Structures are given as C-alpha cells and as structure tokens.
Amino acid sequence: MKKPKRDKQRTHKHICQACGRFCGFSHIHHIFGGAYRSISEKEDFVIELCPECHSKAHEDAEFSNTLKRDCELEYLENHTMEDWMDLM
C-alpha cells in the first residue's frame, strides 16, 4: 500500500488504495485517529479510500489493524523501531 501525501497537498486520484477500484468520490482516511490524528497528519499516515473501504476501516477492526500494520512496516523501511516507538 503506497502512502499518499497529506490532504492539503494532494490531488485525489479517486483510486482506492485498499481495493484498487476507481471511484468517483474518494475519502482520505487517517490511519491513526483520535489522539494520534495529528501524527497521521504530520507523518502523512493517510490513505485514499473508496467510501466502502473507508466505512470498513472504521467498522472492521481486522481491516483497520492491517492498515496500521502496513503503515508501520512502510515507516520502518526508512526509520528504526526506536523511532517508531518514540513517535507512537
């Protein structure tokens, strides 16, 4: 899963980064929400999703955890686990 740029800097491609389908209207999902939303913004931990996958990201814990784990693994490609632990 490729990490898109933040809301403010992005052009919506309307392609869901979870299911790969073109959709007329895509949503930006913050992979880590709540108290971690600002970290998602700062670190670009956001993903473009179709409305169905966006709902699934909020309703299906297993799907949400997969998005979080994929984000973590991508972050660790260029950072250490210690960096990740300090961040999160």
Protein backbone atom coordinates (compact mmCIF):
# COMPACT_ATOMS: atom_id res chain seq x y z
CA MET A 1 0.00 0.00 0.00
CA LYS A 2 1.59 3.26 -1.10
CA LYS A 3 1.32 6.19 1.26
CA PRO A 4 -0.27 9.27 -0.34
CA LYS A 5 0.52 12.86 0.53
CA ARG A 6 -1.42 14.82 3.14
CA ASP A 7 -4.86 16.26 2.46
CA LYS A 8 -3.58 19.80 1.89
CA GLN A 9 -1.02 18.82 -0.74
CA ARG A 10 -2.78 16.03 -2.57
CA THR A 11 -4.66 15.62 -5.77
CA HIS A 12 -7.34 12.98 -5.40
CA LYS A 13 -6.81 10.21 -7.92
CA HIS A 14 -10.10 8.57 -6.92
CA ILE A 15 -8.47 5.15 -6.81
CA CYS A 16 -8.93 3.22 -3.60
CA GLN A 17 -5.59 2.22 -2.16
CA ALA A 18 -7.17 -0.76 -0.42
CA CYS A 19 -9.26 -2.42 -3.13
CA GLY A 20 -7.75 -0.71 -6.18
CA ARG A 21 -11.06 0.31 -7.65
CA PHE A 22 -11.70 3.67 -9.32
CA CYS A 23 -14.41 5.61 -7.51
CA GLY A 24 -15.98 8.91 -8.37
CA PHE A 25 -15.51 10.22 -4.86
CA SER A 26 -12.72 9.10 -2.56
CA HIS A 27 -12.17 9.70 1.14
CA ILE A 28 -8.95 10.47 2.96
CA HIS A 29 -8.56 8.14 5.93
CA HIS A 30 -6.19 8.95 8.79
CA ILE A 31 -4.67 5.58 9.61
CA PHE A 32 -4.15 6.55 13.24
CA GLY A 33 -7.03 8.64 14.56
CA GLY A 34 -8.05 10.07 17.88
CA ALA A 35 -5.09 11.26 19.93
CA TYR A 36 -2.78 10.18 17.07
CA ARG A 37 -4.56 12.10 14.31
CA SER A 38 -2.05 14.95 14.41
CA ILE A 39 0.76 12.41 13.99
CA SER A 40 -1.06 10.95 10.99
CA GLU A 41 -1.20 14.45 9.51
CA LYS A 42 2.42 15.29 10.25
CA GLU A 43 3.84 11.97 9.08
CA ASP A 44 1.44 11.53 6.12
CA PHE A 45 -0.15 8.41 7.61
CA VAL A 46 -3.22 8.88 5.43
CA ILE A 47 -4.67 6.79 2.64
CA GLU A 48 -7.17 7.41 -0.14
CA LEU A 49 -10.12 5.01 0.12
CA CYS A 50 -13.41 4.45 -1.67
CA PRO A 51 -16.48 5.09 0.53
CA GLU A 52 -16.98 1.35 1.15
CA CYS A 53 -13.39 0.72 2.26
CA HIS A 54 -13.46 3.89 4.36
CA SER A 55 -16.50 2.61 6.23
CA LYS A 56 -14.79 -0.75 6.60
CA ALA A 57 -11.69 0.96 8.05
CA HIS A 58 -13.87 2.39 10.82
CA GLU A 59 -16.07 -0.67 11.40
CA ASP A 60 -13.79 -3.68 10.87
CA ALA A 61 -11.01 -3.92 13.47
CA GLU A 62 -9.07 -6.52 11.49
CA PHE A 63 -9.04 -4.32 8.36
CA SER A 64 -8.08 -1.26 10.42
CA ASN A 65 -5.26 -3.17 12.10
CA THR A 66 -3.98 -4.30 8.69
CA LEU A 67 -3.83 -0.67 7.53
CA LYS A 68 -1.96 0.28 10.71
CA ARG A 69 0.50 -2.59 10.40
CA ASP A 70 1.17 -1.80 6.73
CA CYS A 71 1.79 1.82 7.68
CA GLU A 72 4.20 0.77 10.43
CA LEU A 73 6.10 -1.55 8.09
CA GLU A 74 6.41 1.19 5.47
CA TYR A 75 7.67 3.62 8.12
CA LEU A 76 10.25 1.08 9.27
CA GLU A 77 11.71 0.89 5.75
CA ASN A 78 13.39 4.25 6.44
CA HIS A 79 13.37 4.50 10.23
CA THR A 80 14.25 2.40 13.25
CA MET A 81 11.85 0.67 15.62
CA GLU A 82 13.05 3.09 18.29
CA ASP A 83 11.94 5.97 16.04
CA TRP A 84 8.54 4.32 15.67
CA MET A 85 8.19 3.77 19.42
CA ASP A 86 9.14 7.38 20.14
CA LEU A 87 6.61 8.59 17.60
CA MET A 88 3.72 6.39 18.65
